Every structure is written in structure tokens, then in C-alpha cells.
Amino acid sequence: MKVLLDENLPHALRKCLSDHDTVTAAYAGLAGYKNGALLKAAIEGGFDVLVTGDKTLQYEQSIEGQKIALVCLSAVAWRIIKPHVARIAAGVGAAKPGSVTLVDCGAFARSLRAPGPAEG
């Protein structure tokens, strides 16, 4: 399967999808392409799956009936998605043309710190 990683995802994810022909948007010459332009270029480039961390792409673009599948991750930071690479790979492997697969990897949460002496 030919897989395109959106530029908002860490390049390290490419190695975790080694069962597929996976390239980054930058490597494919698609850096800077956004939403509809990226999706159109991915389809024209013969990609089967676009993996993105863009949480709105699935609502902004019609995927139904397209020759490409969309796999949307809930986070883009490597330290957050790394523990979920098996689920991401499974989502990519099961993707069918015209489908959207959501992979919940959690989300970034700021840790609350106790106020210091000058703050409290």
C-alpha cells in the first residue's frame, strides 16, 4: 500500500509503517500543501492512504467515493503517538478507499505545577 504522511506528523512514524511504501509529504515534494490541495495531490500521486494529524480534514474534504483512504490521528507529537504505532499501522492496513479511520492516541495535556513561593 502506498502511504503518505502529512507534514504535521513526525518522520519517525514512517519507519513504523515499513510494511507499506510510506513517504513523508516533504519527500514526496508536497510540503506546504494544505487540506484539499494535499488530498488532491495525494490522489493524483497514486497514494492509497493519507495519514494526518489534522483533526478537521475529514470534515472539510469529501473522502467518500475517492480512491484514497484517510487515517486521522488525535495527536501529532511523537512522544504521544509512539505508544500507539501498532494501532496506527493496523488502521493503515485496514484502510479502504473512501474511508476515514480515526486513531485515538490521546492528546497533549499540560501538567499543572504547584505555584511557587512568589505565585502562591
C-alpha atoms as a PDB file:
ATOM      1  CA  MET A   1       0.000   0.000   0.000  1.00  0.00           C
ATOM      2  CA  LYS A   2       1.296   3.463  -0.859  1.00  0.00           C
ATOM      3  CA  VAL A   3       1.052   5.736   2.205  1.00  0.00           C
ATOM      4  CA  LEU A   4       1.604   9.492   2.509  1.00  0.00           C
ATOM      5  CA  LEU A   5       2.391  11.045   5.899  1.00  0.00           C
ATOM      6  CA  ASP A   6       1.175  14.609   6.259  1.00  0.00           C
ATOM      7  CA  GLU A   7       3.894  17.097   7.163  1.00  0.00           C
ATOM      8  CA  ASN A   8       2.360  17.625  10.612  1.00  0.00           C
ATOM      9  CA  LEU A   9       3.450  14.110  11.632  1.00  0.00           C
ATOM     10  CA  PRO A  10       6.891  13.063  12.870  1.00  0.00           C
ATOM     11  CA  HIS A  11       9.120  11.427  10.273  1.00  0.00           C
ATOM     12  CA  ALA A  12       9.856   8.618  12.761  1.00  0.00           C
ATOM     13  CA  LEU A  13       6.356   7.271  12.097  1.00  0.00           C
ATOM     14  CA  ARG A  14       7.442   6.312   8.571  1.00  0.00           C
ATOM     15  CA  LYS A  15       9.755   3.618   9.948  1.00  0.00           C
ATOM     16  CA  CYS A  16       6.863   2.149  11.940  1.00  0.00           C
ATOM     17  CA  LEU A  17       4.857   1.673   8.741  1.00  0.00           C
ATOM     18  CA  SER A  18       7.589  -0.300   6.982  1.00  0.00           C
ATOM     19  CA  ASP A  19       5.098  -2.920   5.750  1.00  0.00           C
ATOM     20  CA  HIS A  20       3.932  -0.237   3.323  1.00  0.00           C
ATOM     21  CA  ASP A  21       5.552   2.084   0.800  1.00  0.00           C
ATOM     22  CA  THR A  22       5.457   5.088   3.133  1.00  0.00           C
ATOM     23  CA  VAL A  23       6.807   8.552   2.349  1.00  0.00           C
ATOM     24  CA  THR A  24       6.554  11.920   4.031  1.00  0.00           C
ATOM     25  CA  ALA A  25       4.891  14.876   2.356  1.00  0.00           C
ATOM     26  CA  ALA A  26       8.270  16.638   2.262  1.00  0.00           C
ATOM     27  CA  TYR A  27       9.940  13.704   0.500  1.00  0.00           C
ATOM     28  CA  ALA A  28       7.074  13.493  -1.995  1.00  0.00           C
ATOM     29  CA  GLY A  29       7.500  17.194  -2.816  1.00  0.00           C
ATOM     30  CA  LEU A  30       4.201  18.092  -1.168  1.00  0.00           C
ATOM     31  CA  ALA A  31       5.477  20.186   1.747  1.00  0.00           C
ATOM     32  CA  GLY A  32       3.285  23.228   2.266  1.00  0.00           C
ATOM     33  CA  TYR A  33       0.228  21.671   0.632  1.00  0.00           C
ATOM     34  CA  LYS A  34      -2.844  22.074   2.819  1.00  0.00           C
ATOM     35  CA  ASN A  35      -6.115  20.173   3.103  1.00  0.00           C
ATOM     36  CA  GLY A  36      -7.825  19.945  -0.292  1.00  0.00           C
ATOM     37  CA  ALA A  37      -4.644  20.600  -2.269  1.00  0.00           C
ATOM     38  CA  LEU A  38      -2.790  17.891  -0.335  1.00  0.00           C
ATOM     39  CA  LEU A  39      -5.619  15.401  -0.734  1.00  0.00           C
ATOM     40  CA  LYS A  40      -5.848  16.101  -4.481  1.00  0.00           C
ATOM     41  CA  ALA A  41      -2.075  15.764  -4.922  1.00  0.00           C
ATOM     42  CA  ALA A  42      -2.065  12.524  -2.917  1.00  0.00           C
ATOM     43  CA  ILE A  43      -4.791  11.059  -5.137  1.00  0.00           C
ATOM     44  CA  GLU A  44      -3.003  12.199  -8.296  1.00  0.00           C
ATOM     45  CA  GLY A  45       0.231  10.726  -6.901  1.00  0.00           C
ATOM     46  CA  GLY A  46      -1.391   7.312  -6.580  1.00  0.00           C
ATOM     47  CA  PHE A  47      -1.359   7.159  -2.795  1.00  0.00           C
ATOM     48  CA  ASP A  48      -3.754   4.702  -1.172  1.00  0.00           C
ATOM     49  CA  VAL A  49      -3.740   6.274   2.296  1.00  0.00           C
ATOM     50  CA  LEU A  50      -3.120   9.746   3.696  1.00  0.00           C
ATOM     51  CA  VAL A  51      -2.183   9.732   7.391  1.00  0.00           C
ATOM     52  CA  THR A  52      -2.686  13.085   9.098  1.00  0.00           C
ATOM     53  CA  GLY A  53      -2.960  14.734  12.466  1.00  0.00           C
ATOM     54  CA  ASP A  54      -5.296  17.362  11.010  1.00  0.00           C
ATOM     55  CA  LYS A  55      -8.470  16.980  13.041  1.00  0.00           C
ATOM     56  CA  THR A  56     -10.641  18.909  10.585  1.00  0.00           C
ATOM     57  CA  LEU A  57      -9.598  17.479   7.211  1.00  0.00           C
ATOM     58  CA  GLN A  58     -12.226  14.736   7.331  1.00  0.00           C
ATOM     59  CA  TYR A  59     -14.947  17.370   7.730  1.00  0.00           C
ATOM     60  CA  GLU A  60     -13.560  19.846   5.201  1.00  0.00           C
ATOM     61  CA  GLN A  61     -12.994  17.373   2.362  1.00  0.00           C
ATOM     62  CA  SER A  62     -15.244  14.695   0.947  1.00  0.00           C
ATOM     63  CA  ILE A  63     -13.460  11.336   1.109  1.00  0.00           C
ATOM     64  CA  GLU A  64     -16.427   9.155   0.165  1.00  0.00           C
ATOM     65  CA  GLY A  65     -16.046   7.807  -3.347  1.00  0.00           C
ATOM     66  CA  GLN A  66     -12.373   8.770  -3.551  1.00  0.00           C
ATOM     67  CA  LYS A  67      -9.560   6.326  -4.421  1.00  0.00           C
ATOM     68  CA  ILE A  68      -7.769   7.213  -1.186  1.00  0.00           C
ATOM     69  CA  ALA A  69      -8.387   6.487   2.484  1.00  0.00           C
ATOM     70  CA  LEU A  70      -7.783   8.909   5.328  1.00  0.00           C
ATOM     71  CA  VAL A  71      -6.289   7.879   8.680  1.00  0.00           C
ATOM     72  CA  CYS A  72      -6.617  10.685  11.240  1.00  0.00           C
ATOM     73  CA  LEU A  73      -4.581  10.690  14.441  1.00  0.00           C
ATOM     74  CA  SER A  74      -5.702  12.513  17.575  1.00  0.00           C
ATOM     75  CA  ALA A  75      -2.183  13.812  18.245  1.00  0.00           C
ATOM     76  CA  VAL A  76       0.939  14.714  16.289  1.00  0.00           C
ATOM     77  CA  ALA A  77       3.698  14.732  18.912  1.00  0.00           C
ATOM     78  CA  TRP A  78       5.967  11.684  18.646  1.00  0.00           C
ATOM     79  CA  ARG A  79       6.054  11.080  22.410  1.00  0.00           C
ATOM     80  CA  ILE A  80       2.262  10.839  22.401  1.00  0.00           C
ATOM     81  CA  ILE A  81       1.750   8.706  19.293  1.00  0.00           C
ATOM     82  CA  LYS A  82       4.776   6.407  19.715  1.00  0.00           C
ATOM     83  CA  PRO A  83       2.996   4.042  22.159  1.00  0.00           C
ATOM     84  CA  HIS A  84       0.168   3.695  19.615  1.00  0.00           C
ATOM     85  CA  VAL A  85       2.127   2.820  16.462  1.00  0.00           C
ATOM     86  CA  ALA A  86       0.653  -0.701  16.343  1.00  0.00           C
ATOM     87  CA  ARG A  87      -2.869   0.771  16.302  1.00  0.00           C
ATOM     88  CA  ILE A  88      -1.845   3.302  13.658  1.00  0.00           C
ATOM     89  CA  ALA A  89      -0.319   0.554  11.500  1.00  0.00           C
ATOM     90  CA  ALA A  90      -3.487  -1.531  11.915  1.00  0.00           C
ATOM     91  CA  GLY A  91      -5.612   1.446  10.850  1.00  0.00           C
ATOM     92  CA  VAL A  92      -3.465   1.978   7.766  1.00  0.00           C
ATOM     93  CA  GLY A  93      -3.524  -1.728   6.919  1.00  0.00           C
ATOM     94  CA  ALA A  94      -7.302  -1.920   7.189  1.00  0.00           C
ATOM     95  CA  ALA A  95      -7.997   1.332   5.316  1.00  0.00           C
ATOM     96  CA  LYS A  96     -10.262   1.073   2.282  1.00  0.00           C
ATOM     97  CA  PRO A  97     -10.683   3.670  -0.491  1.00  0.00           C
ATOM     98  CA  GLY A  98     -13.150   6.367   0.509  1.00  0.00           C
ATOM     99  CA  SER A  99     -12.938   5.566   4.219  1.00  0.00           C
ATOM    100  CA  VAL A 100     -11.914   7.626   7.236  1.00  0.00           C
ATOM    101  CA  THR A 101     -10.279   5.876  10.177  1.00  0.00           C
ATOM    102  CA  LEU A 102      -9.790   7.694  13.462  1.00  0.00           C
ATOM    103  CA  VAL A 103      -6.953   6.521  15.701  1.00  0.00           C
ATOM    104  CA  ASP A 104      -7.162   7.848  19.251  1.00  0.00           C
ATOM    105  CA  CYS A 105      -3.625   8.269  20.509  1.00  0.00           C
ATOM    106  CA  GLY A 106      -4.600  10.512  23.391  1.00  0.00           C
ATOM    107  CA  ALA A 107      -3.761  14.181  23.391  1.00  0.00           C
ATOM    108  CA  PHE A 108      -1.228  16.595  24.752  1.00  0.00           C
ATOM    109  CA  ALA A 109      -2.116  17.748  28.253  1.00  0.00           C
ATOM    110  CA  ARG A 110      -0.213  20.370  30.162  1.00  0.00           C
ATOM    111  CA  SER A 111       0.799  19.214  33.595  1.00  0.00           C
ATOM    112  CA  LEU A 112      -0.262  21.513  36.345  1.00  0.00           C
ATOM    113  CA  ARG A 113       2.501  22.561  38.647  1.00  0.00           C
ATOM    114  CA  ALA A 114       2.153  23.776  42.182  1.00  0.00           C
ATOM    115  CA  PRO A 115       2.525  27.541  42.488  1.00  0.00           C
ATOM    116  CA  GLY A 116       5.958  28.680  43.596  1.00  0.00           C
ATOM    117  CA  PRO A 117       6.526  30.879  46.680  1.00  0.00           C
ATOM    118  CA  ALA A 118       6.182  34.087  44.664  1.00  0.00           C
ATOM    119  CA  GLU A 119       2.977  32.850  42.988  1.00  0.00           C
ATOM    120  CA  GLY A 120       1.009  31.440  45.852  1.00  0.00           C
END
